[in-house]
Amino acid sequence: MLILGLDPSLSCTGWGVIRAEGARITHIANGQVKTDAGAPLAERLAALQTGLAAVIAEHRPIRAAAEEIYVNKNPQSTLKLAQARGCVLAACGAAGLAVTEHAARLVKKAVTGTGAAEKAQVAAMVKVLLPGVQIAGSDAADALAVAIADAHLGRRN
């Protein structure tokens, strides 16, 4: 089963596709959809949705998983994140993908063993769990972690 993991962000949304067969997971692809910070918000959101639609069309995952939204100290940042997340979910919905949502702490715990892991620890464990993977950046590493967590948590459900 192909699982698309997503780490939504307006500036750079990470994505990662893995194959889950029982307890075995393998890397398929990963990357980032970046938007131009100087572009109007509507253009950035459209670029994000178009970029993810292309990823979905190319890899044809069976399901998707995304990090749940968290509240920043800055309300404007939270609002931008929510808008980007809406585009991510809309791209998945348009492709007929069900999206499972996981809290960041749960993803970190599933991948590293602790919910308080730093980004570098998550990326290091992703490399251990997916030997030989070339990660496109920290957002892609987080997205792969979401997909891995979803594969493990989905087996329990």
N, C-alpha and C. Protein backbone atom coordinates (compact mmCIF):
# COMPACT_ATOMS: atom_id res chain seq x y z
N MET A 1 0.84 -1.17 0.00
CA MET A 1 0.00 0.00 0.00
C MET A 1 0.89 1.24 0.00
N LEU A 2 0.60 2.18 -0.89
CA LEU A 2 1.35 3.43 -0.94
C LEU A 2 0.68 4.46 -0.04
N ILE A 3 1.49 5.07 0.83
CA ILE A 3 1.00 6.09 1.76
C ILE A 3 1.75 7.39 1.48
N LEU A 4 0.99 8.47 1.35
CA LEU A 4 1.54 9.80 1.16
C LEU A 4 1.54 10.51 2.50
N GLY A 5 2.72 10.86 3.00
CA GLY A 5 2.84 11.64 4.23
C GLY A 5 3.00 13.10 3.88
N LEU A 6 2.38 13.98 4.66
CA LEU A 6 2.39 15.41 4.37
C LEU A 6 2.73 16.22 5.60
N ASP A 7 3.60 17.21 5.41
CA ASP A 7 3.95 18.17 6.45
C ASP A 7 3.58 19.55 5.91
N PRO A 8 2.32 19.98 6.13
CA PRO A 8 1.83 21.22 5.52
C PRO A 8 2.52 22.48 6.03
N SER A 9 2.76 23.39 5.10
CA SER A 9 3.30 24.71 5.40
C SER A 9 3.08 25.59 4.18
N LEU A 10 2.88 26.88 4.38
CA LEU A 10 2.68 27.77 3.25
C LEU A 10 3.98 27.99 2.48
N SER A 11 5.09 28.08 3.18
CA SER A 11 6.36 28.34 2.50
C SER A 11 6.95 27.09 1.85
N CYS A 12 6.84 25.96 2.53
CA CYS A 12 7.44 24.72 2.02
C CYS A 12 6.73 23.51 2.62
N THR A 13 5.87 22.89 1.82
CA THR A 13 5.16 21.69 2.28
C THR A 13 5.98 20.47 1.90
N GLY A 14 6.30 19.67 2.90
CA GLY A 14 7.04 18.44 2.65
C GLY A 14 6.10 17.30 2.31
N TRP A 15 6.55 16.40 1.44
CA TRP A 15 5.76 15.21 1.11
C TRP A 15 6.70 14.02 1.01
N GLY A 16 6.15 12.85 1.32
CA GLY A 16 6.93 11.61 1.23
C GLY A 16 6.00 10.46 0.94
N VAL A 17 6.42 9.59 0.05
CA VAL A 17 5.61 8.42 -0.31
C VAL A 17 6.39 7.18 0.09
N ILE A 18 5.72 6.30 0.83
CA ILE A 18 6.32 5.02 1.22
C ILE A 18 5.38 3.89 0.80
N ARG A 19 5.96 2.71 0.69
CA ARG A 19 5.17 1.49 0.49
C ARG A 19 5.19 0.74 1.81
N ALA A 20 4.00 0.38 2.30
CA ALA A 20 3.88 -0.39 3.53
C ALA A 20 3.29 -1.75 3.19
N GLU A 21 4.06 -2.79 3.52
CA GLU A 21 3.61 -4.17 3.33
C GLU A 21 3.82 -4.90 4.64
N GLY A 22 2.74 -4.99 5.43
CA GLY A 22 2.87 -5.54 6.77
C GLY A 22 3.74 -4.62 7.60
N ALA A 23 4.76 -5.17 8.24
CA ALA A 23 5.67 -4.38 9.06
C ALA A 23 6.79 -3.76 8.24
N ARG A 24 6.88 -4.12 6.96
CA ARG A 24 7.97 -3.63 6.11
C ARG A 24 7.57 -2.34 5.41
N ILE A 25 8.46 -1.34 5.47
CA ILE A 25 8.24 -0.09 4.75
C ILE A 25 9.42 0.19 3.85
N THR A 26 9.14 0.74 2.68
CA THR A 26 10.20 1.12 1.74
C THR A 26 9.90 2.52 1.21
N HIS A 27 10.97 3.22 0.90
CA HIS A 27 10.86 4.58 0.37
C HIS A 27 10.53 4.52 -1.12
N ILE A 28 9.60 5.36 -1.53
CA ILE A 28 9.26 5.51 -2.94
C ILE A 28 9.77 6.85 -3.45
N ALA A 29 9.40 7.94 -2.80
CA ALA A 29 9.83 9.27 -3.24
C ALA A 29 9.57 10.28 -2.12
N ASN A 30 10.23 11.42 -2.21
CA ASN A 30 9.97 12.52 -1.28
C ASN A 30 10.37 13.83 -1.92
N GLY A 31 9.85 14.90 -1.38
CA GLY A 31 10.18 16.22 -1.93
C GLY A 31 9.50 17.32 -1.16
N GLN A 32 9.55 18.50 -1.74
CA GLN A 32 8.99 19.67 -1.11
C GLN A 32 8.29 20.51 -2.17
N VAL A 33 7.17 21.09 -1.82
CA VAL A 33 6.49 22.04 -2.68
C VAL A 33 6.70 23.40 -2.04
N LYS A 34 7.51 24.23 -2.70
CA LYS A 34 7.83 25.55 -2.16
C LYS A 34 7.01 26.61 -2.88
N THR A 35 6.67 27.66 -2.14
CA THR A 35 5.96 28.78 -2.74
C THR A 35 6.79 30.04 -2.62
N ASP A 36 6.54 30.98 -3.50
CA ASP A 36 7.26 32.25 -3.54
C ASP A 36 6.71 33.18 -2.46
N ALA A 37 7.54 33.50 -1.50
CA ALA A 37 7.11 34.34 -0.37
C ALA A 37 6.65 35.72 -0.82
N GLY A 38 7.09 36.17 -1.97
CA GLY A 38 6.70 37.49 -2.46
C GLY A 38 5.42 37.49 -3.26
N ALA A 39 4.89 36.32 -3.56
CA ALA A 39 3.66 36.23 -4.36
C ALA A 39 2.43 36.47 -3.49
N PRO A 40 1.34 36.90 -4.11
CA PRO A 40 0.10 37.06 -3.35
C PRO A 40 -0.35 35.72 -2.77
N LEU A 41 -1.07 35.77 -1.66
CA LEU A 41 -1.49 34.57 -0.94
C LEU A 41 -2.25 33.61 -1.84
N ALA A 42 -3.18 34.12 -2.63
CA ALA A 42 -3.97 33.25 -3.50
C ALA A 42 -3.09 32.46 -4.47
N GLU A 43 -2.07 33.11 -5.02
CA GLU A 43 -1.14 32.42 -5.93
C GLU A 43 -0.34 31.35 -5.21
N ARG A 44 0.08 31.66 -3.99
CA ARG A 44 0.85 30.69 -3.22
C ARG A 44 0.01 29.45 -2.91
N LEU A 45 -1.25 29.68 -2.51
CA LEU A 45 -2.13 28.56 -2.21
C LEU A 45 -2.41 27.73 -3.45
N ALA A 46 -2.62 28.39 -4.59
CA ALA A 46 -2.87 27.68 -5.85
C ALA A 46 -1.64 26.86 -6.24
N ALA A 47 -0.45 27.42 -6.07
CA ALA A 47 0.78 26.70 -6.40
C ALA A 47 0.94 25.46 -5.51
N LEU A 48 0.60 25.62 -4.26
CA LEU A 48 0.69 24.50 -3.31
C LEU A 48 -0.27 23.38 -3.72
N GLN A 49 -1.51 23.74 -4.01
CA GLN A 49 -2.49 22.73 -4.39
C GLN A 49 -2.12 22.05 -5.71
N THR A 50 -1.65 22.83 -6.68
CA THR A 50 -1.25 22.28 -7.98
C THR A 50 -0.05 21.35 -7.82
N GLY A 51 0.91 21.76 -7.02
CA GLY A 51 2.10 20.94 -6.80
C GLY A 51 1.77 19.61 -6.16
N LEU A 52 0.90 19.63 -5.16
CA LEU A 52 0.52 18.37 -4.50
C LEU A 52 -0.34 17.50 -5.40
N ALA A 53 -1.18 18.12 -6.22
CA ALA A 53 -1.99 17.35 -7.16
C ALA A 53 -1.08 16.59 -8.13
N ALA A 54 0.02 17.22 -8.54
CA ALA A 54 0.97 16.56 -9.44
C ALA A 54 1.66 15.38 -8.75
N VAL A 55 2.02 15.55 -7.48
CA VAL A 55 2.64 14.46 -6.71
C VAL A 55 1.67 13.29 -6.60
N ILE A 56 0.42 13.58 -6.29
CA ILE A 56 -0.59 12.53 -6.14
C ILE A 56 -0.81 11.81 -7.47
N ALA A 57 -0.88 12.57 -8.55
CA ALA A 57 -1.10 11.97 -9.87
C ALA A 57 0.08 11.09 -10.28
N GLU A 58 1.28 11.50 -9.95
CA GLU A 58 2.47 10.72 -10.33
C GLU A 58 2.60 9.43 -9.53
N HIS A 59 2.36 9.50 -8.22
CA HIS A 59 2.64 8.34 -7.36
C HIS A 59 1.41 7.51 -7.01
N ARG A 60 0.24 8.05 -7.16
CA ARG A 60 -1.03 7.34 -6.93
C ARG A 60 -1.09 6.60 -5.59
N PRO A 61 -0.93 7.33 -4.49
CA PRO A 61 -1.03 6.69 -3.17
C PRO A 61 -2.45 6.20 -2.90
N ILE A 62 -2.56 5.24 -2.00
CA ILE A 62 -3.85 4.70 -1.60
C ILE A 62 -4.50 5.57 -0.53
N ARG A 63 -3.67 6.14 0.33
CA ARG A 63 -4.17 7.02 1.37
C ARG A 63 -3.10 8.05 1.72
N ALA A 64 -3.52 9.05 2.49
CA ALA A 64 -2.60 10.11 2.89
C ALA A 64 -2.68 10.31 4.40
N ALA A 65 -1.63 10.90 4.94
CA ALA A 65 -1.57 11.22 6.36
C ALA A 65 -0.91 12.59 6.50
N ALA A 66 -1.43 13.40 7.41
CA ALA A 66 -0.89 14.74 7.62
C ALA A 66 -0.77 15.03 9.10
N GLU A 67 0.15 15.92 9.42
CA GLU A 67 0.26 16.37 10.80
C GLU A 67 -0.95 17.24 11.14
N GLU A 68 -1.45 17.08 12.35
CA GLU A 68 -2.52 17.95 12.82
C GLU A 68 -1.98 19.36 12.97
N ILE A 69 -2.87 20.32 12.92
CA ILE A 69 -2.45 21.71 13.06
C ILE A 69 -2.08 21.99 14.52
N TYR A 70 -1.13 22.85 14.69
CA TYR A 70 -0.77 23.30 16.03
C TYR A 70 -0.88 24.81 16.06
N VAL A 71 -1.10 25.36 17.23
CA VAL A 71 -1.28 26.80 17.36
C VAL A 71 0.06 27.44 17.69
N ASN A 72 0.46 28.39 16.84
CA ASN A 72 1.68 29.16 17.07
C ASN A 72 1.40 30.29 18.05
N LYS A 73 2.45 30.89 18.54
CA LYS A 73 2.27 32.07 19.39
C LYS A 73 1.78 33.25 18.55
N ASN A 74 2.12 33.24 17.26
CA ASN A 74 1.73 34.30 16.35
C ASN A 74 0.44 33.89 15.62
N PRO A 75 -0.67 34.57 15.85
CA PRO A 75 -1.94 34.19 15.21
C PRO A 75 -1.87 34.23 13.68
N GLN A 76 -1.10 35.17 13.11
CA GLN A 76 -0.97 35.25 11.65
C GLN A 76 -0.30 33.99 11.10
N SER A 77 0.70 33.48 11.79
CA SER A 77 1.37 32.25 11.36
C SER A 77 0.42 31.07 11.41
N THR A 78 -0.39 31.01 12.46
CA THR A 78 -1.36 29.92 12.59
C THR A 78 -2.38 29.98 11.46
N LEU A 79 -2.83 31.18 11.13
CA LEU A 79 -3.80 31.35 10.04
C LEU A 79 -3.21 30.91 8.71
N LYS A 80 -1.99 31.30 8.43
CA LYS A 80 -1.33 30.90 7.17
C LYS A 80 -1.14 29.39 7.11
N LEU A 81 -0.77 28.80 8.23
CA LEU A 81 -0.63 27.35 8.28
C LEU A 81 -1.96 26.67 8.01
N ALA A 82 -3.01 27.19 8.60
CA ALA A 82 -4.35 26.60 8.41
C ALA A 82 -4.78 26.70 6.95
N GLN A 83 -4.48 27.82 6.30
CA GLN A 83 -4.83 27.97 4.89
C GLN A 83 -4.04 27.00 4.02
N ALA A 84 -2.76 26.86 4.31
CA ALA A 84 -1.94 25.91 3.55
C ALA A 84 -2.43 24.49 3.77
N ARG A 85 -2.77 24.19 4.99
CA ARG A 85 -3.27 22.86 5.32
C ARG A 85 -4.58 22.57 4.60
N GLY A 86 -5.41 23.59 4.46
CA GLY A 86 -6.65 23.45 3.71
C GLY A 86 -6.38 23.08 2.26
N CYS A 87 -5.36 23.68 1.67
CA CYS A 87 -4.99 23.35 0.29
C CYS A 87 -4.48 21.91 0.19
N VAL A 88 -3.72 21.50 1.16
CA VAL A 88 -3.20 20.13 1.20
C VAL A 88 -4.36 19.14 1.27
N LEU A 89 -5.29 19.40 2.16
CA LEU A 89 -6.44 18.51 2.31
C LEU A 89 -7.33 18.54 1.06
N ALA A 90 -7.48 19.72 0.45
CA ALA A 90 -8.29 19.82 -0.76
C ALA A 90 -7.66 19.04 -1.91
N ALA A 91 -6.34 19.10 -2.04
CA ALA A 91 -5.66 18.33 -3.10
C ALA A 91 -5.90 16.84 -2.90
N CYS A 92 -5.83 16.39 -1.66
CA CYS A 92 -6.08 14.98 -1.36
C CYS A 92 -7.55 14.63 -1.62
N GLY A 93 -8.45 15.49 -1.17
CA GLY A 93 -9.87 15.24 -1.37
C GLY A 93 -10.25 15.20 -2.85
N ALA A 94 -9.67 16.08 -3.64
CA ALA A 94 -9.95 16.11 -5.07
C ALA A 94 -9.50 14.82 -5.75
N ALA A 95 -8.48 14.18 -5.19
CA ALA A 95 -7.97 12.92 -5.74
C ALA A 95 -8.66 11.71 -5.13
N GLY A 96 -9.60 11.94 -4.24
CA GLY A 96 -10.33 10.84 -3.62
C GLY A 96 -9.57 10.13 -2.51
N LEU A 97 -8.54 10.78 -1.97
CA LEU A 97 -7.75 10.17 -0.89
C LEU A 97 -8.33 10.50 0.48
N ALA A 98 -8.48 9.50 1.29
CA ALA A 98 -8.80 9.73 2.69
C ALA A 98 -7.53 10.21 3.39
N VAL A 99 -7.67 11.14 4.31
CA VAL A 99 -6.51 11.68 5.02
C VAL A 99 -6.65 11.39 6.51
N THR A 100 -5.66 10.72 7.07
CA THR A 100 -5.59 10.50 8.50
C THR A 100 -4.72 11.60 9.09
N GLU A 101 -5.12 12.13 10.23
CA GLU A 101 -4.36 13.19 10.86
C GLU A 101 -3.71 12.68 12.14
N HIS A 102 -2.45 13.08 12.33
CA HIS A 102 -1.70 12.64 13.52
C HIS A 102 -1.05 13.85 14.19
N ALA A 103 -1.08 13.88 15.50
CA ALA A 103 -0.41 14.93 16.26
C ALA A 103 1.10 14.80 16.08
N ALA A 104 1.79 15.93 16.04
CA ALA A 104 3.24 15.92 15.84
C ALA A 104 3.94 15.08 16.91
N ARG A 105 3.49 15.18 18.15
CA ARG A 105 4.12 14.40 19.23
C ARG A 105 3.95 12.90 19.01
N LEU A 106 2.80 12.49 18.47
CA LEU A 106 2.55 11.08 18.20
C LEU A 106 3.46 10.59 17.07
N VAL A 107 3.63 11.41 16.05
CA VAL A 107 4.52 11.06 14.93
C VAL A 107 5.95 10.89 15.44
N LYS A 108 6.41 11.86 16.22
CA LYS A 108 7.77 11.79 16.77
C LYS A 108 7.95 10.54 17.63
N LYS A 109 6.96 10.24 18.45
CA LYS A 109 7.06 9.07 19.32
C LYS A 109 7.08 7.78 18.50
N ALA A 110 6.26 7.71 17.45
CA ALA A 110 6.21 6.51 16.62
C ALA A 110 7.52 6.27 15.88
N VAL A 111 8.21 7.34 15.53
CA VAL A 111 9.43 7.21 14.73
C VAL A 111 10.69 7.15 15.60
N THR A 112 10.73 7.95 16.67
CA THR A 112 11.96 8.02 17.48
C THR A 112 11.84 7.39 18.85
N GLY A 113 10.62 7.17 19.32
CA GLY A 113 10.42 6.62 20.66
C GLY A 113 10.13 7.67 21.70
N THR A 114 10.24 8.96 21.32
CA THR A 114 9.91 10.04 22.24
C THR A 114 9.16 11.14 21.51
N GLY A 115 8.12 11.65 22.14
CA GLY A 115 7.32 12.70 21.54
C GLY A 115 7.98 14.06 21.57
N ALA A 116 9.10 14.17 22.27
CA ALA A 116 9.81 15.45 22.39
C ALA A 116 11.04 15.51 21.49
N ALA A 117 11.14 14.62 20.51
CA ALA A 117 12.32 14.56 19.64
C ALA A 117 12.48 15.85 18.84
N GLU A 118 13.72 16.21 18.59
CA GLU A 118 14.04 17.37 17.76
C GLU A 118 13.97 16.96 16.29
N LYS A 119 13.89 17.97 15.40
CA LYS A 119 13.82 17.70 13.96
C LYS A 119 14.98 16.84 13.48
N ALA A 120 16.17 17.10 13.98
CA ALA A 120 17.35 16.34 13.56
C ALA A 120 17.24 14.87 13.96
N GLN A 121 16.67 14.61 15.13
CA GLN A 121 16.47 13.22 15.57
C GLN A 121 15.47 12.50 14.68
N VAL A 122 14.40 13.20 14.30
CA VAL A 122 13.39 12.61 13.42
C VAL A 122 14.04 12.27 12.07
N ALA A 123 14.78 13.20 11.50
CA ALA A 123 15.43 12.96 10.21
C ALA A 123 16.41 11.80 10.29
N ALA A 124 17.15 11.71 11.39
CA ALA A 124 18.11 10.62 11.55
C ALA A 124 17.41 9.27 11.61
N MET A 125 16.30 9.19 12.32
CA MET A 125 15.56 7.93 12.41
C MET A 125 14.90 7.56 11.09
N VAL A 126 14.44 8.56 10.34
CA VAL A 126 13.88 8.29 9.01
C VAL A 126 14.94 7.63 8.14
N LYS A 127 16.17 8.12 8.23
CA LYS A 127 17.27 7.53 7.45
C LYS A 127 17.57 6.10 7.89
N VAL A 128 17.42 5.82 9.18
CA VAL A 128 17.63 4.46 9.69
C VAL A 128 16.51 3.54 9.21
N LEU A 129 15.27 4.04 9.26
CA LEU A 129 14.11 3.22 8.88
C LEU A 129 13.98 3.03 7.37
N LEU A 130 14.55 3.97 6.61
CA LEU A 130 14.51 3.89 5.14
C LEU A 130 15.94 3.96 4.62
N PRO A 131 16.70 2.87 4.75
CA PRO A 131 18.12 2.88 4.38
C PRO A 131 18.35 3.37 2.95
N GLY A 132 19.34 4.24 2.81
CA GLY A 132 19.74 4.74 1.49
C GLY A 132 18.90 5.90 0.99
N VAL A 133 17.93 6.34 1.76
CA VAL A 133 17.06 7.42 1.31
C VAL A 133 17.84 8.74 1.20
N GLN A 134 17.57 9.48 0.14
CA GLN A 134 18.10 10.83 -0.01
C GLN A 134 16.93 11.77 0.28
N ILE A 135 17.00 12.47 1.39
CA ILE A 135 15.89 13.31 1.82
C ILE A 135 16.04 14.72 1.24
N ALA A 136 14.95 15.23 0.66
CA ALA A 136 14.96 16.51 -0.04
C ALA A 136 15.07 17.72 0.90
N GLY A 137 14.91 17.53 2.18
CA GLY A 137 14.99 18.63 3.15
C GLY A 137 14.24 18.26 4.42
N SER A 138 14.31 19.14 5.41
CA SER A 138 13.71 18.81 6.71
C SER A 138 12.20 18.64 6.63
N ASP A 139 11.54 19.39 5.75
CA ASP A 139 10.09 19.24 5.62
C ASP A 139 9.75 17.89 4.99
N ALA A 140 10.55 17.43 4.05
CA ALA A 140 10.35 16.11 3.45
C ALA A 140 10.61 15.01 4.47
N ALA A 141 11.61 15.20 5.34
CA ALA A 141 11.90 14.23 6.39
C ALA A 141 10.70 14.12 7.34
N ASP A 142 10.13 15.26 7.69
CA ASP A 142 8.95 15.25 8.56
C ASP A 142 7.78 14.55 7.88
N ALA A 143 7.60 14.78 6.59
CA ALA A 143 6.51 14.13 5.85
C ALA A 143 6.71 12.62 5.79
N LEU A 144 7.95 12.18 5.58
CA LEU A 144 8.23 10.74 5.59
C LEU A 144 7.94 10.16 6.97
N ALA A 145 8.27 10.91 8.02
CA ALA A 145 7.98 10.46 9.38
C ALA A 145 6.47 10.30 9.59
N VAL A 146 5.69 11.22 9.04
CA VAL A 146 4.23 11.12 9.15
C VAL A 146 3.74 9.86 8.45
N ALA A 147 4.27 9.58 7.27
CA ALA A 147 3.87 8.37 6.52
C ALA A 147 4.27 7.10 7.29
N ILE A 148 5.47 7.10 7.85
CA ILE A 148 5.93 5.93 8.62
C ILE A 148 5.05 5.72 9.84
N ALA A 149 4.77 6.80 10.56
CA ALA A 149 3.90 6.71 11.74
C ALA A 149 2.52 6.19 11.34
N ASP A 150 2.00 6.68 10.23
CA ASP A 150 0.68 6.24 9.78
C ASP A 150 0.69 4.76 9.43
N ALA A 151 1.76 4.29 8.82
CA ALA A 151 1.86 2.86 8.48
C ALA A 151 1.84 2.01 9.75
N HIS A 152 2.58 2.45 10.76
CA HIS A 152 2.63 1.70 12.02
C HIS A 152 1.32 1.80 12.79
N LEU A 153 0.75 2.99 12.87
CA LEU A 153 -0.49 3.19 13.62
C LEU A 153 -1.66 2.57 12.90
N GLY A 154 -1.65 2.57 11.58
CA GLY A 154 -2.73 1.98 10.80
C GLY A 154 -2.85 0.48 10.98
N ARG A 155 -1.75 -0.18 11.26
CA ARG A 155 -1.78 -1.64 11.50
C ARG A 155 -2.52 -1.97 12.78
N ARG A 156 -2.55 -1.03 13.73
CA ARG A 156 -3.21 -1.26 15.01
C ARG A 156 -4.71 -1.06 14.92
N ASN A 157 -5.14 -0.27 13.95
CA ASN A 157 -6.56 0.08 13.83
C ASN A 157 -7.33 -0.98 13.08
